[in-house]
Amino acid sequence: MCRNIRVLHNFEPPATSDEVQAAALQYVRKVGGATKPSAANQAAFDKAVAAVAAATQELLDALVTTAPPKDREIEAAKAKARAAERYGG
């Protein structure tokens, strides 16, 4: 999985449309091999981002779980601790 794409499922509060859009953008950039498409490819790029964002939101809306929602602050602290351990910070 691309490191810049974060888990969006089962958080309280739920993932925002901005988070879904950012994940879709990262995915399309990774698959397309460019952070900024050429002018000739901009329309295809934008269409792909919109389609991936819609599919992502549909998936998140359909997923069910019995696990309690995760707390964003706690998960961020865990990620920070893992990064500090990994990179010696």
N, C-alpha and C. Protein backbone atom coordinates (compact mmCIF):
# COMPACT_ATOMS: atom_id res chain seq x y z
N MET A 1 0.85 -1.18 0.00
CA MET A 1 0.00 0.00 0.00
C MET A 1 0.89 1.24 0.00
N CYS A 2 0.46 2.24 -0.68
CA CYS A 2 1.17 3.51 -0.70
C CYS A 2 1.20 4.08 0.72
N ARG A 3 2.35 4.51 1.15
CA ARG A 3 2.48 5.02 2.52
C ARG A 3 1.64 6.25 2.78
N ASN A 4 1.38 7.05 1.77
CA ASN A 4 0.63 8.28 1.97
C ASN A 4 -0.87 8.07 2.04
N ILE A 5 -1.32 6.89 1.70
CA ILE A 5 -2.75 6.61 1.80
C ILE A 5 -3.01 6.02 3.18
N ARG A 6 -3.85 6.66 3.94
CA ARG A 6 -4.13 6.25 5.31
C ARG A 6 -5.43 5.44 5.39
N VAL A 7 -5.50 4.61 6.43
CA VAL A 7 -6.73 3.88 6.70
C VAL A 7 -7.80 4.91 7.05
N LEU A 8 -8.96 4.78 6.45
CA LEU A 8 -10.05 5.72 6.68
C LEU A 8 -11.25 5.08 7.36
N HIS A 9 -11.26 3.78 7.44
CA HIS A 9 -12.41 3.05 7.99
C HIS A 9 -12.37 2.99 9.51
N ASN A 10 -13.53 3.12 10.12
CA ASN A 10 -13.77 2.91 11.54
C ASN A 10 -13.08 3.92 12.43
N PHE A 11 -13.22 5.20 12.08
CA PHE A 11 -12.73 6.27 12.94
C PHE A 11 -13.90 7.08 13.43
N GLU A 12 -13.72 7.68 14.58
CA GLU A 12 -14.72 8.59 15.13
C GLU A 12 -14.04 9.93 15.32
N PRO A 13 -14.43 10.96 14.66
CA PRO A 13 -15.51 11.04 13.68
C PRO A 13 -15.10 10.36 12.37
N PRO A 14 -16.08 10.01 11.54
CA PRO A 14 -15.78 9.32 10.28
C PRO A 14 -14.90 10.17 9.36
N ALA A 15 -14.30 9.50 8.40
CA ALA A 15 -13.45 10.18 7.43
C ALA A 15 -14.24 11.29 6.72
N THR A 16 -13.58 12.40 6.52
CA THR A 16 -14.22 13.52 5.84
C THR A 16 -14.09 13.36 4.32
N SER A 17 -14.85 14.13 3.60
CA SER A 17 -14.74 14.09 2.14
C SER A 17 -13.36 14.55 1.69
N ASP A 18 -12.75 15.46 2.44
CA ASP A 18 -11.39 15.90 2.11
C ASP A 18 -10.38 14.76 2.25
N GLU A 19 -10.54 13.94 3.29
CA GLU A 19 -9.65 12.80 3.48
C GLU A 19 -9.84 11.76 2.38
N VAL A 20 -11.08 11.53 1.99
CA VAL A 20 -11.37 10.59 0.91
C VAL A 20 -10.77 11.12 -0.40
N GLN A 21 -10.94 12.40 -0.66
CA GLN A 21 -10.40 13.03 -1.87
C GLN A 21 -8.86 12.94 -1.88
N ALA A 22 -8.23 13.18 -0.73
CA ALA A 22 -6.77 13.12 -0.65
C ALA A 22 -6.26 11.70 -0.92
N ALA A 23 -6.95 10.71 -0.38
CA ALA A 23 -6.57 9.32 -0.62
C ALA A 23 -6.73 8.97 -2.10
N ALA A 24 -7.81 9.42 -2.70
CA ALA A 24 -8.03 9.16 -4.13
C ALA A 24 -6.94 9.81 -4.97
N LEU A 25 -6.59 11.03 -4.64
CA LEU A 25 -5.55 11.75 -5.37
C LEU A 25 -4.21 11.01 -5.26
N GLN A 26 -3.86 10.56 -4.06
CA GLN A 26 -2.61 9.82 -3.87
C GLN A 26 -2.61 8.53 -4.68
N TYR A 27 -3.74 7.84 -4.67
CA TYR A 27 -3.84 6.59 -5.43
C TYR A 27 -3.65 6.84 -6.93
N VAL A 28 -4.34 7.82 -7.47
CA VAL A 28 -4.25 8.11 -8.90
C VAL A 28 -2.84 8.58 -9.26
N ARG A 29 -2.24 9.38 -8.40
CA ARG A 29 -0.86 9.80 -8.64
C ARG A 29 0.08 8.60 -8.70
N LYS A 30 -0.10 7.68 -7.77
CA LYS A 30 0.76 6.49 -7.72
C LYS A 30 0.56 5.63 -8.96
N VAL A 31 -0.66 5.34 -9.29
CA VAL A 31 -0.97 4.50 -10.44
C VAL A 31 -0.55 5.18 -11.74
N GLY A 32 -0.79 6.49 -11.83
CA GLY A 32 -0.47 7.24 -13.04
C GLY A 32 1.01 7.57 -13.18
N GLY A 33 1.75 7.45 -12.09
CA GLY A 33 3.18 7.69 -12.15
C GLY A 33 3.59 9.14 -12.21
N ALA A 34 2.70 10.04 -11.84
CA ALA A 34 3.03 11.46 -11.88
C ALA A 34 2.28 12.20 -10.78
N THR A 35 2.95 13.15 -10.16
CA THR A 35 2.27 13.96 -9.14
C THR A 35 1.42 15.05 -9.78
N LYS A 36 1.81 15.47 -10.97
CA LYS A 36 1.02 16.46 -11.70
C LYS A 36 0.97 16.02 -13.16
N PRO A 37 -0.23 15.74 -13.65
CA PRO A 37 -0.34 15.28 -15.04
C PRO A 37 -0.07 16.41 -16.03
N SER A 38 0.26 16.03 -17.23
CA SER A 38 0.41 17.02 -18.30
C SER A 38 -0.95 17.59 -18.63
N ALA A 39 -0.95 18.71 -19.32
CA ALA A 39 -2.22 19.33 -19.71
C ALA A 39 -3.07 18.38 -20.55
N ALA A 40 -2.41 17.57 -21.37
CA ALA A 40 -3.13 16.62 -22.21
C ALA A 40 -3.82 15.53 -21.40
N ASN A 41 -3.29 15.24 -20.21
CA ASN A 41 -3.84 14.17 -19.38
C ASN A 41 -4.67 14.67 -18.20
N GLN A 42 -4.79 15.99 -18.04
CA GLN A 42 -5.46 16.55 -16.87
C GLN A 42 -6.90 16.07 -16.74
N ALA A 43 -7.66 16.06 -17.82
CA ALA A 43 -9.07 15.66 -17.74
C ALA A 43 -9.20 14.20 -17.32
N ALA A 44 -8.37 13.33 -17.88
CA ALA A 44 -8.40 11.91 -17.52
C ALA A 44 -8.01 11.73 -16.05
N PHE A 45 -7.02 12.48 -15.61
CA PHE A 45 -6.56 12.43 -14.23
C PHE A 45 -7.68 12.86 -13.28
N ASP A 46 -8.30 14.00 -13.57
CA ASP A 46 -9.39 14.51 -12.73
C ASP A 46 -10.57 13.54 -12.69
N LYS A 47 -10.89 12.96 -13.84
CA LYS A 47 -11.99 11.99 -13.90
C LYS A 47 -11.67 10.77 -13.05
N ALA A 48 -10.43 10.31 -13.09
CA ALA A 48 -10.01 9.14 -12.30
C ALA A 48 -10.07 9.45 -10.81
N VAL A 49 -9.62 10.63 -10.41
CA VAL A 49 -9.67 11.01 -8.99
C VAL A 49 -11.11 11.03 -8.50
N ALA A 50 -12.01 11.60 -9.29
CA ALA A 50 -13.42 11.64 -8.91
C ALA A 50 -14.01 10.24 -8.79
N ALA A 51 -13.67 9.36 -9.74
CA ALA A 51 -14.20 7.99 -9.71
C ALA A 51 -13.66 7.22 -8.51
N VAL A 52 -12.37 7.37 -8.22
CA VAL A 52 -11.78 6.67 -7.07
C VAL A 52 -12.35 7.21 -5.77
N ALA A 53 -12.54 8.51 -5.68
CA ALA A 53 -13.12 9.10 -4.47
C ALA A 53 -14.55 8.59 -4.25
N ALA A 54 -15.32 8.52 -5.32
CA ALA A 54 -16.70 8.02 -5.20
C ALA A 54 -16.72 6.56 -4.78
N ALA A 55 -15.85 5.75 -5.37
CA ALA A 55 -15.78 4.33 -5.01
C ALA A 55 -15.31 4.17 -3.57
N THR A 56 -14.37 5.00 -3.15
CA THR A 56 -13.88 4.94 -1.77
C THR A 56 -14.98 5.29 -0.79
N GLN A 57 -15.72 6.35 -1.07
CA GLN A 57 -16.81 6.75 -0.18
C GLN A 57 -17.89 5.67 -0.13
N GLU A 58 -18.19 5.08 -1.28
CA GLU A 58 -19.18 4.00 -1.32
C GLU A 58 -18.71 2.82 -0.47
N LEU A 59 -17.44 2.49 -0.58
CA LEU A 59 -16.88 1.39 0.22
C LEU A 59 -16.99 1.72 1.70
N LEU A 60 -16.54 2.89 2.11
CA LEU A 60 -16.58 3.27 3.52
C LEU A 60 -18.00 3.26 4.07
N ASP A 61 -18.95 3.69 3.25
CA ASP A 61 -20.35 3.70 3.68
C ASP A 61 -20.92 2.29 3.85
N ALA A 62 -20.39 1.33 3.09
CA ALA A 62 -20.92 -0.03 3.11
C ALA A 62 -20.25 -0.93 4.14
N LEU A 63 -19.03 -0.58 4.56
CA LEU A 63 -18.31 -1.44 5.49
C LEU A 63 -18.98 -1.45 6.86
N VAL A 64 -18.99 -2.64 7.48
CA VAL A 64 -19.52 -2.78 8.83
C VAL A 64 -18.46 -3.44 9.69
N THR A 65 -18.50 -3.15 10.97
CA THR A 65 -17.55 -3.75 11.89
C THR A 65 -18.17 -3.80 13.28
N THR A 66 -17.72 -4.74 14.06
CA THR A 66 -18.15 -4.80 15.45
C THR A 66 -17.10 -4.18 16.37
N ALA A 67 -15.95 -3.82 15.80
CA ALA A 67 -14.88 -3.19 16.59
C ALA A 67 -15.29 -1.77 16.95
N PRO A 68 -14.88 -1.33 18.12
CA PRO A 68 -15.18 0.07 18.48
C PRO A 68 -14.40 1.02 17.57
N PRO A 69 -14.95 2.20 17.31
CA PRO A 69 -14.24 3.16 16.46
C PRO A 69 -12.90 3.55 17.07
N LYS A 70 -11.93 3.79 16.19
CA LYS A 70 -10.60 4.20 16.64
C LYS A 70 -10.60 5.70 16.87
N ASP A 71 -9.78 6.12 17.81
CA ASP A 71 -9.61 7.53 18.12
C ASP A 71 -8.45 8.08 17.30
N ARG A 72 -8.69 9.14 16.57
CA ARG A 72 -7.66 9.70 15.68
C ARG A 72 -6.40 10.12 16.44
N GLU A 73 -6.56 10.73 17.61
CA GLU A 73 -5.41 11.20 18.37
C GLU A 73 -4.56 10.04 18.87
N ILE A 74 -5.20 8.98 19.33
CA ILE A 74 -4.47 7.81 19.80
C ILE A 74 -3.73 7.14 18.65
N GLU A 75 -4.39 7.00 17.52
CA GLU A 75 -3.75 6.38 16.35
C GLU A 75 -2.59 7.24 15.85
N ALA A 76 -2.73 8.55 15.89
CA ALA A 76 -1.64 9.44 15.48
C ALA A 76 -0.45 9.31 16.42
N ALA A 77 -0.72 9.19 17.71
CA ALA A 77 0.36 9.02 18.69
C ALA A 77 1.09 7.70 18.46
N LYS A 78 0.33 6.65 18.15
CA LYS A 78 0.95 5.35 17.87
C LYS A 78 1.85 5.44 16.64
N ALA A 79 1.36 6.11 15.59
CA ALA A 79 2.14 6.26 14.36
C ALA A 79 3.41 7.06 14.63
N LYS A 80 3.30 8.09 15.44
CA LYS A 80 4.46 8.91 15.77
C LYS A 80 5.49 8.08 16.54
N ALA A 81 5.02 7.26 17.47
CA ALA A 81 5.93 6.40 18.24
C ALA A 81 6.62 5.38 17.33
N ARG A 82 5.87 4.82 16.37
CA ARG A 82 6.48 3.86 15.44
C ARG A 82 7.53 4.55 14.58
N ALA A 83 7.24 5.77 14.14
CA ALA A 83 8.20 6.52 13.31
C ALA A 83 9.45 6.85 14.12
N ALA A 84 9.27 7.24 15.37
CA ALA A 84 10.42 7.57 16.22
C ALA A 84 11.30 6.34 16.42
N GLU A 85 10.67 5.19 16.62
CA GLU A 85 11.42 3.95 16.78
C GLU A 85 12.15 3.57 15.49
N ARG A 86 11.46 3.73 14.37
CA ARG A 86 12.01 3.36 13.08
C ARG A 86 13.15 4.28 12.66
N TYR A 87 12.96 5.58 12.87
CA TYR A 87 13.92 6.57 12.36
C TYR A 87 14.81 7.17 13.45
N GLY A 88 14.66 6.67 14.67
CA GLY A 88 15.52 7.14 15.76
C GLY A 88 15.28 8.57 16.20
N GLY A 89 14.00 8.97 16.18
CA GLY A 89 13.68 10.37 16.55
C GLY A 89 13.14 10.44 17.87
